[in-house]
Every structure is written in C-alpha cells, then in structure tokens.
Amino acid sequence: MKIITAPNLALRQKAKDVTVLDKKFFSFLHQLADTLIKKEQPSGVGLAAPQINKSIRVFAAILGTTNQEAKKPMIEFFINPKITKYSDKKILGLADGTERFEGCLSVPLFYGPVPRYEWIEVEYQSITDLDILNKKTDLKNKKTRFQDFDARVIQHEYDHLEGIIFTDHILRNNLPLYVEEDGKWVEIENKKEILSLL
C-alpha cells in the first residue's frame, strides 16, 4: 500500500465510521499493519487509513516502549475510536519533561513539538494483527486510558481521522519546525510559507 503525502486532499477529509466488517475489511487491516511495519527511513509507530487514501475511521498503532523496540511488534487496530476524556494539561514532549518531537509518514522530513493531552481515555473497537492472521475476527469493545507517549501516538493518529495533520498544531501555536541534518535538529526559518502549502 502506498502512503500518501501532504498536500493530498484525502488527508484533509473527515473519515467515515467503519460499518462493514467483512473479509475485505480484515484484509485491508492486515495490509495497513504490513505497510506500517515495513516502512523505513522514516519508520513510524502509527498509520491511519486516510494516510493510504482510505477515508474510514481506523488506525494501526504500535504501543508500549518494549513493543516498539521489538523485532516483530504487536500492532493493535483502533476502529471507530472516540476520545471520551482527557487531562486538563497539555505537554509538548513526554510527562517527565523530555523533549519529543512529532513527525509523520505523510509529512516526511519535518518534525516539531506538538501540544498533546498528557493522558486520554478512548472507547474503540479493537483487534490485533495477530488475531487477524489467526483468523479470529471478533472485535473487542474497549475503553482504555493511555498516557505519555502512547497517548501522543493515539492523538496524532486520531487527528488523521479528523483531517488534521501535526503541522497544523505547529502553525496554530507558532511553534518551531525542524528538519534533521547529520543527526542535528535544524530549525526552518520560512515555516509559515512551507506549512501553508500543506
């Protein structure tokens, strides 16, 4: 599957609820997971259906530090997710104050700080790629609280379902935009001009 990049208009549409849970849909989920796992330079920890030009409310995520560092990470799908609660406070990096820039497979090369809720509660239908491979296609209804980096990943992917990309937050909050050159962050001077094209 091909990951589309900004300014593709499909990234700006509000995705529709998933209503048909057939063989074709589960095959699509597996392909979404496969695309996420195989993507390198840059690699990612989440991929939403709109990023591969499918305007439905689903995304794949690799959550948990140990899982993210595994050779074969477990991928969980979030189907028709709703953020039902969130923290009063937003943070730019991690809860311990560590700086953590966001990037996006649909906006390659650019990175920056994005204000996100410290924790969120999400209601969603869930299944893992392993379930699909084992032909277990019963969805689980979940209500889960996510914190710190996992909460950040989910908010980033949820934004894709709303037609929002991370650079929108950077522009709205007048935050810096960076590119990585030789292992160092280099701030982009004409960010407004560049981001207006996305």
Protein backbone atom coordinates (compact mmCIF):
# COMPACT_ATOMS: atom_id res chain seq x y z
CA MET A 1 0.00 0.00 0.00
CA LYS A 2 1.22 3.49 -0.80
CA ILE A 3 1.34 6.15 1.90
CA ILE A 4 0.04 9.44 0.52
CA THR A 5 1.68 12.71 1.47
CA ALA A 6 0.53 16.29 2.03
CA PRO A 7 -0.89 18.28 0.30
CA ASN A 8 -3.06 15.35 -0.94
CA LEU A 9 -6.66 16.45 -0.26
CA ALA A 10 -7.59 13.00 1.05
CA LEU A 11 -5.61 13.85 4.21
CA ARG A 12 -7.99 16.77 4.85
CA GLN A 13 -11.26 14.82 4.79
CA LYS A 14 -13.11 13.75 7.91
CA ALA A 15 -13.18 9.95 7.79
CA LYS A 16 -16.42 7.96 7.92
CA ASP A 17 -17.30 5.31 10.51
CA VAL A 18 -16.49 1.71 9.69
CA THR A 19 -19.80 -0.09 9.14
CA VAL A 20 -18.89 -3.20 7.12
CA LEU A 21 -16.74 -5.82 8.85
CA ASP A 22 -16.20 -8.30 6.04
CA LYS A 23 -13.26 -10.34 4.75
CA LYS A 24 -12.16 -7.42 2.57
CA PHE A 25 -12.01 -5.12 5.62
CA PHE A 26 -9.85 -7.52 7.66
CA SER A 27 -7.56 -7.99 4.67
CA PHE A 28 -7.25 -4.21 4.49
CA LEU A 29 -6.31 -4.07 8.20
CA HIS A 30 -3.56 -6.64 7.67
CA GLN A 31 -2.21 -4.65 4.71
CA LEU A 32 -2.27 -1.46 6.83
CA ALA A 33 -0.22 -3.22 9.55
CA ASP A 34 2.19 -4.63 6.97
CA THR A 35 2.71 -1.17 5.45
CA LEU A 36 3.45 0.30 8.89
CA ILE A 37 5.93 -2.43 9.83
CA LYS A 38 7.81 -2.32 6.53
CA LYS A 39 8.10 1.49 6.38
CA GLU A 40 11.65 2.67 6.96
CA GLN A 41 13.51 5.98 6.74
CA PRO A 42 11.48 7.23 8.40
CA SER A 43 9.76 4.45 10.31
CA GLY A 44 6.61 5.07 12.32
CA VAL A 45 4.57 3.82 15.26
CA GLY A 46 1.14 4.59 13.81
CA LEU A 47 -0.66 4.68 10.49
CA ALA A 48 -4.23 5.82 9.84
CA ALA A 49 -6.46 4.64 6.99
CA PRO A 50 -6.65 8.17 5.45
CA GLN A 51 -2.86 8.04 5.02
CA ILE A 52 -3.27 5.28 2.49
CA ASN A 53 -6.19 7.08 0.84
CA LYS A 54 -9.00 5.19 2.58
CA SER A 55 -11.35 7.57 4.37
CA ILE A 56 -12.55 5.32 7.20
CA ARG A 57 -12.14 5.69 10.96
CA VAL A 58 -9.40 3.20 11.71
CA PHE A 59 -5.73 3.35 12.55
CA ALA A 60 -2.96 0.93 13.45
CA ALA A 61 -0.62 1.62 16.38
CA ILE A 62 2.47 0.08 17.93
CA LEU A 63 2.16 0.94 21.61
CA GLY A 64 4.50 0.47 24.57
CA THR A 65 8.25 1.07 24.55
CA THR A 66 9.21 -2.62 24.72
CA ASN A 67 6.78 -3.45 21.92
CA GLN A 68 8.06 -0.55 19.78
CA GLU A 69 11.61 -1.86 20.10
CA ALA A 70 10.67 -5.50 19.32
CA LYS A 71 11.68 -7.15 16.04
CA LYS A 72 8.08 -8.24 15.50
CA PRO A 73 5.93 -5.65 17.32
CA MET A 74 2.29 -6.28 18.10
CA ILE A 75 0.01 -3.97 16.16
CA GLU A 76 -3.37 -3.01 17.56
CA PHE A 77 -6.15 -1.53 15.46
CA PHE A 78 -8.41 1.24 16.69
CA ILE A 79 -11.75 1.04 14.89
CA ASN A 80 -14.27 3.90 15.25
CA PRO A 81 -12.33 5.40 18.19
CA LYS A 82 -13.70 8.20 20.37
CA ILE A 83 -11.64 10.22 22.84
CA THR A 84 -14.04 10.47 25.79
CA LYS A 85 -11.85 12.07 28.49
CA TYR A 86 -8.54 13.86 28.62
CA SER A 87 -6.20 15.61 31.04
CA ASP A 88 -6.53 19.29 31.90
CA LYS A 89 -2.91 19.80 30.93
CA LYS A 90 -1.20 19.56 27.56
CA ILE A 91 2.52 18.86 27.20
CA LEU A 92 4.98 19.36 24.35
CA GLY A 93 7.10 16.27 24.98
CA LEU A 94 6.92 13.45 27.49
CA ALA A 95 5.49 13.63 31.01
CA ASP A 96 8.98 13.64 32.56
CA GLY A 97 9.87 16.81 30.61
CA THR A 98 11.87 15.01 27.92
CA GLU A 99 11.70 16.68 24.53
CA ARG A 100 9.94 14.51 21.96
CA PHE A 101 9.24 15.90 18.51
CA GLU A 102 6.49 14.53 16.30
CA GLY A 103 6.93 13.51 12.71
CA CYS A 104 4.54 11.96 10.22
CA LEU A 105 4.81 9.42 7.42
CA SER A 106 2.53 11.70 5.35
CA VAL A 107 4.69 14.76 6.01
CA PRO A 108 8.18 13.25 5.66
CA LEU A 109 11.32 15.10 6.76
CA PHE A 110 9.57 17.62 9.05
CA TYR A 111 9.47 17.39 12.86
CA GLY A 112 8.37 19.59 15.72
CA PRO A 113 6.88 19.95 19.20
CA VAL A 114 3.12 19.46 19.38
CA PRO A 115 0.91 20.19 22.42
CA ARG A 116 -0.94 16.99 23.37
CA TYR A 117 -3.01 15.90 26.35
CA GLU A 118 -0.93 14.11 28.98
CA TRP A 119 -3.49 11.30 29.14
CA ILE A 120 -6.63 10.38 27.26
CA GLU A 121 -9.41 7.81 27.58
CA VAL A 122 -10.52 6.15 24.37
CA GLU A 123 -13.52 3.99 23.51
CA TYR A 124 -12.95 1.87 20.43
CA GLN A 125 -13.39 -1.49 18.78
CA SER A 126 -10.16 -3.40 18.90
CA ILE A 127 -8.37 -6.26 17.22
CA THR A 128 -4.71 -7.10 16.71
CA ASP A 129 -2.94 -8.11 13.53
CA LEU A 130 -2.08 -11.42 15.22
CA ASP A 131 -5.81 -12.09 15.72
CA ILE A 132 -6.43 -11.46 12.02
CA LEU A 133 -3.57 -13.76 10.99
CA ASN A 134 -5.09 -16.46 13.26
CA LYS A 135 -8.50 -15.87 11.61
CA LYS A 136 -10.02 -14.52 14.84
CA THR A 137 -12.14 -11.63 13.63
CA ASP A 138 -14.32 -10.90 16.68
CA LEU A 139 -13.84 -7.28 17.66
CA LYS A 140 -13.46 -6.34 21.31
CA ASN A 141 -15.11 -3.19 22.68
CA LYS A 142 -12.54 -1.39 24.79
CA LYS A 143 -12.36 1.66 27.00
CA THR A 144 -8.73 2.35 27.86
CA ARG A 145 -6.68 5.14 29.39
CA PHE A 146 -3.42 5.92 27.60
CA GLN A 147 -0.63 8.10 28.97
CA ASP A 148 2.51 9.83 27.86
CA PHE A 149 3.96 8.68 24.50
CA ASP A 150 1.15 6.19 23.79
CA ALA A 151 -1.39 8.97 24.36
CA ARG A 152 0.60 11.16 21.96
CA VAL A 153 0.62 8.46 19.26
CA ILE A 154 -3.13 7.94 19.54
CA GLN A 155 -3.90 11.68 19.43
CA HIS A 156 -1.68 12.05 16.34
CA GLU A 157 -3.46 9.18 14.54
CA TYR A 158 -6.90 10.31 15.73
CA ASP A 159 -6.17 13.72 14.17
CA HIS A 160 -5.78 11.98 10.79
CA LEU A 161 -9.36 10.73 11.10
CA GLU A 162 -10.43 14.36 11.57
CA GLY A 163 -8.45 15.66 8.57
CA ILE A 164 -5.77 17.27 10.77
CA ILE A 165 -2.02 16.86 10.40
CA PHE A 166 0.53 17.58 13.12
CA THR A 167 1.92 20.66 11.38
CA ASP A 168 -1.48 22.35 11.84
CA HIS A 169 -0.77 22.45 15.58
CA ILE A 170 2.71 23.85 14.96
CA LEU A 171 1.31 26.66 12.80
CA ARG A 172 -1.61 27.42 15.17
CA ASN A 173 0.66 27.60 18.23
CA ASN A 174 3.57 29.30 16.44
CA LEU A 175 5.98 26.52 17.40
CA PRO A 176 9.26 25.73 15.63
CA LEU A 177 9.54 23.32 12.71
CA TYR A 178 12.70 21.28 12.16
CA VAL A 179 14.47 19.06 9.70
CA GLU A 180 17.14 16.60 10.76
CA GLU A 181 20.56 17.08 9.22
CA ASP A 182 23.53 14.92 10.21
CA GLY A 183 21.84 13.91 13.47
CA LYS A 184 21.07 17.52 14.47
CA TRP A 185 17.83 19.49 14.50
CA VAL A 186 17.89 22.47 12.16
CA GLU A 187 15.04 24.97 12.52
CA ILE A 188 13.25 26.03 9.35
CA GLU A 189 13.08 29.80 9.03
CA ASN A 190 10.25 30.12 6.46
CA LYS A 191 7.92 27.63 8.19
CA LYS A 192 4.72 29.61 7.55
CA GLU A 193 5.37 29.64 3.83
CA ILE A 194 6.15 25.90 3.78
CA LEU A 195 3.28 24.87 6.05
CA SER A 196 0.76 26.92 4.10
CA LEU A 197 1.39 24.51 1.20
CA LEU A 198 0.29 21.53 3.29
